[in-house]
Amino acid sequence: MAAQKNFKFARRVVVKVGTSTITYKNRKPNLLRIEKLVREIAGLANEGYEMVLVTSGAIAVGMDRMGLTEKPRAIPEKQAVAAVGQAVLMNIYERLFGEYGQTAGQVLLSRENSTRHNQYTNSRNALMTMLGMGIVPVVNENDAVTVDEIKIGDNDTLSATVALLIDADALILLSDVDGLYTSNPMTSSDAKLIRVVKEITPEIESLAGEPETQVGTGGMYTKLKAAKMAMNSGVMMAIVSGEMDGAIRAVLSGEEVGTMFPAKESHLAARKSWLAFGKSIAGDIVVDDGCERAMMGGASLLAAGIECIEGEFEKNSTVRVMNKKGREIARGIVNFDNKTLSKIKKLRSGEIQKMLGIDVPDEVIHRDNMVIME
């Protein structure tokens, strides 16, 4: 019960709500459920909690307003529909929060806001200022101007990114399922709810299924990805059913509901959080067992311990470091491009200098530019 009880000490909380929780199957807004959600968040804010809402649903609501029966495929059409839906949703949220004595403010974040450190910092400052002024930020992916194709589950990752940005104590995902199960509860009568997940292992990741809805952008895979981000950054996370009345308060009261993901003890510093989870991953480096042990002990990554390189990337890209079992052990900024690394892997520093004939760093990834992920 320790994992549940720790939520009683949370004061800065990010709540993420999925599309299927706040809309009907016909894509119309579920105003009753939205009203209950806003009432609960506003009530907690009145008690002194600092609350942030990350909301999905813009495309679904936009489709309803535009009379569309099929989700657009072309990016410009998705952008247009999202723009309509964001306006409709924000109008609903602003009106309801106002009725319960709270001021809501819209924040639209894009992938660029997290991949560039200055924008990451600016986004953090804006959100922290809003909280300091007593505003409830209502956050969504800026789908109306995004260049990349909108991906399944972006708002799960977005909510974890927001939690990292503001040093949240807790992240609560309101979902169409009430937690992580041992198997798919929709198809297996033997499925059991897992109450606490202390570590995201390959076995836990294998339990993740595909999204069950056509409109929603969730799925357990992305929720576990969000959990890994949160846990490694000192943020507690919970997955609970969005259909449960008072779900947020139940979590923050330490009740045994949903699935809990306890935070690891040490918080990552702001730059380390950005390095680990803000920047896009460009490729992978696989290391041997001895190199893995050295890195776990605080050493930089040297070329001598590299087994192979996967992907194409430039110098100063962010890459994952994997062990031979395929588990991610670190992330960091690499000092060489993939072609150069392929030439110097397994070599010692003196051999690298001799081969390249120029003055190059001894480290492939310096420990100051690396985050251990275990």
Protein backbone atom coordinates (compact mmCIF):
# COMPACT_ATOMS: atom_id res chain seq x y z
CA MET A 1 0.00 0.00 0.00
CA ALA A 2 3.05 2.31 0.24
CA ALA A 3 2.81 3.21 -3.44
CA GLN A 4 -0.81 4.31 -3.02
CA LYS A 5 -0.18 6.20 0.23
CA ASN A 6 2.60 8.28 -1.33
CA PHE A 7 0.01 10.00 -3.53
CA LYS A 8 -1.39 11.62 -0.38
CA PHE A 9 1.66 13.88 -0.31
CA ALA A 10 1.27 15.11 -3.90
CA ARG A 11 0.43 18.78 -4.32
CA ARG A 12 1.30 19.56 -7.96
CA VAL A 13 -0.69 17.19 -10.17
CA VAL A 14 -1.03 16.65 -13.92
CA VAL A 15 -4.24 14.93 -15.06
CA LYS A 16 -4.51 13.52 -18.58
CA VAL A 17 -7.89 12.62 -20.04
CA GLY A 18 -8.32 10.54 -23.19
CA THR A 19 -10.64 11.07 -26.12
CA SER A 20 -12.85 8.08 -25.32
CA THR A 21 -13.37 9.39 -21.79
CA ILE A 22 -14.76 12.80 -22.77
CA THR A 23 -16.60 11.95 -26.00
CA TYR A 24 -19.32 9.52 -26.98
CA LYS A 25 -18.80 6.94 -29.70
CA ASN A 26 -20.46 9.36 -32.14
CA ARG A 27 -17.65 11.84 -31.30
CA LYS A 28 -19.94 14.35 -29.61
CA PRO A 29 -18.59 15.80 -26.32
CA ASN A 30 -19.73 13.91 -23.23
CA LEU A 31 -20.69 17.05 -21.34
CA LEU A 32 -21.75 15.20 -18.19
CA ARG A 33 -18.36 13.54 -17.83
CA ILE A 34 -16.47 16.72 -18.74
CA GLU A 35 -18.47 18.61 -16.10
CA LYS A 36 -17.62 16.01 -13.45
CA LEU A 37 -13.95 16.15 -14.45
CA VAL A 38 -13.81 19.95 -14.26
CA ARG A 39 -15.73 19.99 -10.97
CA GLU A 40 -13.26 17.56 -9.40
CA ILE A 41 -10.17 19.41 -10.65
CA ALA A 42 -11.63 22.77 -9.60
CA GLY A 43 -12.47 21.38 -6.17
CA LEU A 44 -8.91 20.17 -5.69
CA ALA A 45 -7.57 23.53 -6.89
CA ASN A 46 -9.80 25.23 -4.31
CA GLU A 47 -8.16 23.04 -1.65
CA GLY A 48 -4.71 24.27 -2.64
CA TYR A 49 -3.58 21.68 -5.17
CA GLU A 50 -1.79 22.96 -8.27
CA MET A 51 -3.66 21.26 -11.10
CA VAL A 52 -2.84 20.89 -14.80
CA LEU A 53 -5.19 19.23 -17.30
CA VAL A 54 -3.83 17.59 -20.46
CA THR A 55 -6.76 16.88 -22.74
CA SER A 56 -7.24 14.80 -25.85
CA GLY A 57 -10.31 14.97 -28.06
CA ALA A 58 -9.67 17.91 -30.39
CA ILE A 59 -9.83 15.89 -33.60
CA ALA A 60 -12.87 13.86 -32.50
CA VAL A 61 -14.79 16.97 -31.44
CA GLY A 62 -13.70 18.77 -34.59
CA MET A 63 -14.98 15.88 -36.70
CA ASP A 64 -18.35 16.13 -35.01
CA ARG A 65 -18.56 19.88 -35.51
CA MET A 66 -17.61 19.49 -39.19
CA GLY A 67 -20.02 16.59 -39.73
CA LEU A 68 -17.26 14.17 -40.72
CA THR A 69 -17.74 10.43 -40.33
CA GLU A 70 -14.17 9.35 -41.08
CA LYS A 71 -10.93 10.63 -39.57
CA PRO A 72 -9.00 12.71 -42.12
CA ARG A 73 -5.81 11.18 -43.47
CA ALA A 74 -4.10 14.19 -45.02
CA ILE A 75 -2.09 16.28 -42.56
CA PRO A 76 -3.60 19.65 -43.58
CA GLU A 77 -7.10 18.22 -43.06
CA LYS A 78 -6.13 16.88 -39.64
CA GLN A 79 -4.75 20.29 -38.76
CA ALA A 80 -7.94 22.04 -39.84
CA VAL A 81 -10.20 19.65 -37.93
CA ALA A 82 -7.97 19.88 -34.84
CA ALA A 83 -8.15 23.69 -34.94
CA VAL A 84 -11.95 23.56 -34.90
CA GLY A 85 -12.02 20.95 -32.14
CA GLN A 86 -9.54 22.80 -29.93
CA ALA A 87 -11.73 25.91 -30.04
CA VAL A 88 -14.85 23.93 -29.14
CA LEU A 89 -13.15 22.04 -26.30
CA MET A 90 -11.51 25.10 -24.81
CA ASN A 91 -14.81 26.97 -24.83
CA ILE A 92 -16.38 24.12 -22.85
CA TYR A 93 -13.50 23.93 -20.37
CA GLU A 94 -13.27 27.71 -19.88
CA ARG A 95 -16.98 28.04 -19.21
CA LEU A 96 -17.13 25.11 -16.78
CA PHE A 97 -13.99 26.09 -14.84
CA GLY A 98 -15.40 29.60 -14.55
CA GLU A 99 -18.62 28.25 -13.06
CA TYR A 100 -16.56 26.52 -10.35
CA GLY A 101 -14.50 29.60 -9.54
CA GLN A 102 -11.33 28.75 -11.43
CA THR A 103 -9.57 30.45 -14.33
CA ALA A 104 -8.43 28.16 -17.15
CA GLY A 105 -5.77 29.02 -19.72
CA GLN A 106 -5.04 27.17 -22.96
CA VAL A 107 -1.50 25.94 -23.64
CA LEU A 108 -0.69 24.33 -27.01
CA LEU A 109 2.65 22.52 -27.09
CA SER A 110 4.43 20.99 -30.06
CA ARG A 111 7.28 18.53 -30.38
CA GLU A 112 9.58 21.45 -31.13
CA ASN A 113 8.84 22.92 -27.70
CA SER A 114 10.56 19.92 -26.11
CA THR A 115 13.38 19.20 -28.58
CA ARG A 116 14.96 22.67 -28.34
CA HIS A 117 16.31 23.45 -24.90
CA ASN A 118 15.45 27.16 -24.96
CA GLN A 119 11.84 26.38 -25.90
CA TYR A 120 11.73 23.64 -23.26
CA THR A 121 12.79 26.23 -20.69
CA ASN A 122 10.33 28.83 -22.00
CA SER A 123 7.47 26.31 -21.85
CA ARG A 124 8.41 25.47 -18.26
CA ASN A 125 8.49 29.14 -17.27
CA ALA A 126 5.09 29.81 -18.85
CA LEU A 127 3.43 26.86 -17.09
CA MET A 128 5.04 27.66 -13.74
CA THR A 129 3.92 31.27 -14.00
CA MET A 130 0.36 30.21 -14.75
CA LEU A 131 0.32 27.96 -11.69
CA GLY A 132 1.76 30.77 -9.59
CA MET A 133 -1.10 33.03 -10.74
CA GLY A 134 -3.72 30.46 -9.81
CA ILE A 135 -4.54 29.50 -13.41
CA VAL A 136 -5.43 25.92 -14.37
CA PRO A 137 -3.45 25.21 -17.58
CA VAL A 138 -5.41 23.18 -20.13
CA VAL A 139 -2.79 21.60 -22.37
CA ASN A 140 -3.05 19.89 -25.73
CA GLU A 141 -0.73 18.95 -28.57
CA ASN A 142 -0.63 21.80 -31.08
CA ASP A 143 -2.08 19.61 -33.82
CA ALA A 144 -3.24 22.62 -35.81
CA VAL A 145 0.32 23.54 -36.83
CA THR A 146 2.25 20.29 -36.40
CA VAL A 147 4.36 19.27 -39.38
CA ASP A 148 4.86 15.60 -38.55
CA GLU A 149 1.94 13.21 -38.91
CA ILE A 150 -0.11 13.03 -35.70
CA LYS A 151 0.88 9.78 -33.98
CA ILE A 152 -1.12 7.40 -31.81
CA GLY A 153 -0.67 8.13 -28.11
CA ASP A 154 1.03 11.54 -28.39
CA ASN A 155 -0.95 12.96 -25.48
CA ASP A 156 0.18 10.24 -23.08
CA THR A 157 3.76 11.25 -23.83
CA LEU A 158 2.74 14.91 -23.77
CA SER A 159 1.29 14.58 -20.28
CA ALA A 160 4.52 13.02 -19.00
CA THR A 161 6.50 15.79 -20.68
CA VAL A 162 4.33 18.39 -18.95
CA ALA A 163 4.81 16.62 -15.61
CA LEU A 164 8.58 16.80 -16.12
CA LEU A 165 8.41 20.44 -17.21
CA ILE A 166 6.75 21.59 -13.99
CA ASP A 167 8.37 19.14 -11.54
CA ALA A 168 4.97 17.62 -10.80
CA ASP A 169 4.52 15.30 -7.84
CA ALA A 170 2.00 13.07 -9.61
CA LEU A 171 0.65 12.24 -13.07
CA ILE A 172 -2.81 10.68 -13.32
CA LEU A 173 -3.97 9.15 -16.61
CA LEU A 174 -7.74 8.83 -16.92
CA SER A 175 -8.31 6.02 -19.39
CA ASP A 176 -11.00 3.79 -20.86
CA VAL A 177 -9.43 0.94 -18.87
CA ASP A 178 -8.89 0.95 -15.12
CA GLY A 179 -5.22 0.01 -15.17
CA LEU A 180 -2.63 -2.44 -16.48
CA TYR A 181 -3.74 -6.05 -16.68
CA THR A 182 -1.85 -9.32 -16.98
CA SER A 183 -3.62 -9.80 -20.32
CA ASN A 184 -6.27 -8.03 -22.38
CA PRO A 185 -9.35 -7.83 -20.11
CA MET A 186 -11.59 -7.42 -23.17
CA THR A 187 -10.64 -10.81 -24.54
CA SER A 188 -9.38 -12.79 -21.54
CA SER A 189 -11.49 -13.81 -18.53
CA ASP A 190 -8.28 -14.61 -16.62
CA ALA A 191 -6.94 -11.06 -16.85
CA LYS A 192 -5.90 -9.63 -13.47
CA LEU A 193 -5.37 -5.99 -12.61
CA ILE A 194 -1.80 -5.18 -11.57
CA ARG A 195 -2.00 -2.77 -8.65
CA VAL A 196 1.64 -1.62 -8.49
CA VAL A 197 4.42 -1.60 -11.09
CA LYS A 198 7.74 -0.75 -9.48
CA GLU A 199 9.82 -1.02 -12.65
CA ILE A 200 9.08 -1.01 -16.39
CA THR A 201 10.73 -4.29 -17.38
CA PRO A 202 10.57 -5.99 -20.80
CA GLU A 203 8.01 -8.34 -19.27
CA ILE A 204 5.81 -5.42 -18.24
CA GLU A 205 6.22 -3.81 -21.67
CA SER A 206 5.08 -7.05 -23.31
CA LEU A 207 1.70 -6.66 -21.58
CA ALA A 208 0.94 -3.49 -23.52
CA GLY A 209 -1.77 -3.87 -26.13
CA GLU A 210 -2.94 -1.82 -29.08
CA PRO A 211 -5.57 0.95 -28.80
CA GLU A 212 -9.09 -0.46 -28.72
CA THR A 213 -10.77 2.54 -30.29
CA GLN A 214 -10.60 4.19 -33.69
CA VAL A 215 -10.93 7.74 -32.36
CA GLY A 216 -8.79 7.61 -29.25
CA THR A 217 -5.04 8.26 -29.33
CA GLY A 218 -4.17 6.12 -26.37
CA GLY A 219 -3.08 2.53 -25.93
CA MET A 220 -1.25 0.87 -23.05
CA TYR A 221 2.08 0.99 -24.89
CA THR A 222 2.16 4.77 -24.79
CA LYS A 223 0.96 4.81 -21.18
CA LEU A 224 3.91 2.63 -20.17
CA LYS A 225 6.21 4.94 -22.12
CA ALA A 226 4.76 7.83 -20.12
CA ALA A 227 5.25 5.84 -16.91
CA LYS A 228 8.92 5.27 -17.68
CA MET A 229 9.41 8.98 -18.27
CA ALA A 230 7.60 9.91 -15.08
CA MET A 231 9.19 7.31 -12.81
CA ASN A 232 12.72 8.12 -13.95
CA SER A 233 12.10 11.80 -13.25
CA GLY A 234 10.71 11.40 -9.75
CA VAL A 235 7.03 11.68 -10.69
CA MET A 236 4.46 9.17 -9.37
CA MET A 237 1.99 7.98 -11.99
CA ALA A 238 -1.40 6.24 -11.88
CA ILE A 239 -3.68 4.78 -14.54
CA VAL A 240 -7.33 4.80 -13.49
CA SER A 241 -10.69 4.55 -15.18
CA GLY A 242 -12.07 7.83 -16.50
CA GLU A 243 -15.56 6.49 -15.92
CA MET A 244 -15.04 6.29 -12.16
CA ASP A 245 -16.57 9.24 -10.31
CA GLY A 246 -13.99 10.88 -8.06
CA ALA A 247 -11.09 8.93 -9.57
CA ILE A 248 -8.58 11.77 -9.17
CA ARG A 249 -9.47 12.37 -5.54
CA ALA A 250 -9.37 8.61 -4.85
CA VAL A 251 -5.80 8.45 -6.15
CA LEU A 252 -4.71 11.52 -4.17
CA SER A 253 -6.36 10.09 -1.04
CA GLY A 254 -4.15 7.00 -1.25
CA GLU A 255 -6.96 4.58 -2.14
CA GLU A 256 -6.20 1.30 -3.90
CA VAL A 257 -7.51 2.11 -7.36
CA GLY A 258 -6.09 1.49 -10.82
CA THR A 259 -2.39 0.79 -11.34
CA MET A 260 0.28 2.79 -9.53
CA PHE A 261 3.80 3.49 -10.77
CA PRO A 262 5.99 4.74 -7.87
CA ALA A 263 8.59 7.40 -8.60
CA LYS A 264 12.27 6.62 -8.34
CA GLU A 265 13.87 8.41 -5.43
CA SER A 266 16.12 10.85 -7.25
CA HIS A 267 14.75 13.61 -9.47
CA LEU A 268 16.55 14.38 -12.71
CA ALA A 269 17.73 17.95 -12.95
CA ALA A 270 15.89 20.11 -15.50
CA ARG A 271 18.57 19.74 -18.18
CA LYS A 272 18.82 15.99 -17.58
CA SER A 273 15.05 15.66 -17.95
CA TRP A 274 15.20 17.50 -21.26
CA LEU A 275 18.14 15.40 -22.39
CA ALA A 276 16.43 12.14 -21.50
CA PHE A 277 12.90 12.83 -22.65
CA GLY A 278 12.73 16.11 -24.53
CA LYS A 279 15.07 15.46 -27.41
CA SER A 280 14.23 13.14 -30.30
CA ILE A 281 16.10 9.84 -30.41
CA ALA A 282 18.24 9.55 -33.56
CA GLY A 283 19.70 6.04 -33.17
CA ASP A 284 20.96 3.27 -30.89
CA ILE A 285 24.34 2.15 -29.62
CA VAL A 286 24.65 -1.42 -28.30
CA VAL A 287 27.36 -2.00 -25.67
CA ASP A 288 28.99 -5.06 -24.12
CA ASP A 289 28.53 -6.25 -20.54
CA GLY A 290 31.73 -4.64 -19.24
CA CYS A 291 30.80 -1.29 -20.71
CA GLU A 292 27.34 -1.54 -19.19
CA ARG A 293 28.80 -2.15 -15.72
CA ALA A 294 31.18 0.79 -16.10
CA MET A 295 28.37 3.13 -17.16
CA MET A 296 26.21 2.02 -14.24
CA GLY A 297 29.15 3.00 -12.04
CA GLY A 298 29.23 6.51 -13.46
CA ALA A 299 31.69 6.17 -16.34
CA SER A 300 31.41 7.82 -19.74
CA LEU A 301 30.74 5.68 -22.81
CA LEU A 302 33.96 4.77 -24.63
CA ALA A 303 34.28 3.28 -28.10
CA ALA A 304 36.03 0.16 -26.77
CA GLY A 305 32.78 -1.11 -25.28
CA ILE A 306 30.57 -0.65 -28.34
CA GLU A 307 29.22 -3.77 -30.01
CA CYS A 308 27.24 -2.20 -32.86
CA ILE A 309 25.49 0.96 -34.04
CA GLU A 310 21.92 1.15 -35.33
CA GLY A 311 20.42 4.04 -37.29
CA GLU A 312 21.88 7.07 -39.02
CA PHE A 313 22.73 10.14 -36.96
CA GLU A 314 25.00 13.15 -36.87
CA LYS A 315 27.42 14.35 -34.22
CA ASN A 316 25.59 15.95 -31.24
CA SER A 317 22.46 13.84 -31.84
CA THR A 318 20.71 12.15 -28.92
CA VAL A 319 20.95 8.35 -28.99
CA ARG A 320 19.89 5.45 -26.81
CA VAL A 321 22.46 3.12 -25.28
CA MET A 322 21.26 -0.48 -25.22
CA ASN A 323 22.70 -3.58 -23.56
CA LYS A 324 23.05 -6.87 -25.42
CA LYS A 325 19.65 -8.02 -24.16
CA GLY A 326 17.98 -5.12 -25.94
CA ARG A 327 17.26 -3.06 -22.82
CA GLU A 328 17.79 0.69 -22.81
CA ILE A 329 20.29 1.64 -20.13
CA ALA A 330 21.09 5.26 -21.00
CA ARG A 331 20.54 8.21 -23.31
CA GLY A 332 22.98 10.90 -24.26
CA ILE A 333 24.48 13.32 -26.76
CA VAL A 334 26.96 11.53 -29.00
CA ASN A 335 30.31 13.05 -30.04
CA PHE A 336 30.53 11.19 -33.37
CA ASP A 337 28.25 10.43 -36.31
CA ASN A 338 27.16 6.85 -36.98
CA LYS A 339 29.66 6.28 -39.82
CA THR A 340 32.62 7.34 -37.69
CA LEU A 341 31.39 5.25 -34.78
CA SER A 342 31.18 2.19 -37.00
CA LYS A 343 34.87 2.65 -37.82
CA ILE A 344 36.10 3.22 -34.25
CA LYS A 345 33.95 0.76 -32.27
CA LYS A 346 36.00 -1.63 -30.13
CA LEU A 347 39.05 0.67 -30.41
CA ARG A 348 40.87 2.35 -27.54
CA SER A 349 41.52 6.09 -27.41
CA GLY A 350 45.08 5.91 -28.77
CA GLU A 351 43.97 3.73 -31.66
CA ILE A 352 41.15 6.14 -32.50
CA GLN A 353 43.50 9.12 -32.62
CA LYS A 354 45.84 7.20 -34.90
CA MET A 355 43.05 6.06 -37.24
CA LEU A 356 41.30 9.41 -37.59
CA GLY A 357 44.45 11.49 -37.54
CA ILE A 358 42.77 14.38 -35.76
CA ASP A 359 42.21 15.48 -32.18
CA VAL A 360 38.90 13.89 -31.13
CA PRO A 361 37.13 13.42 -27.76
CA ASP A 362 38.06 10.34 -25.74
CA GLU A 363 34.40 9.73 -24.93
CA VAL A 364 31.67 8.67 -27.34
CA ILE A 365 29.19 10.10 -24.81
CA HIS A 366 30.51 12.07 -21.85
CA ARG A 367 28.85 11.25 -18.53
CA ASP A 368 27.80 14.90 -18.14
CA ASN A 369 25.76 14.54 -21.33
CA MET A 370 24.28 11.16 -20.40
CA VAL A 371 21.29 10.02 -18.36
CA ILE A 372 21.14 6.51 -16.89
CA MET A 373 17.68 5.08 -17.57
CA GLU A 374 17.62 2.15 -15.13
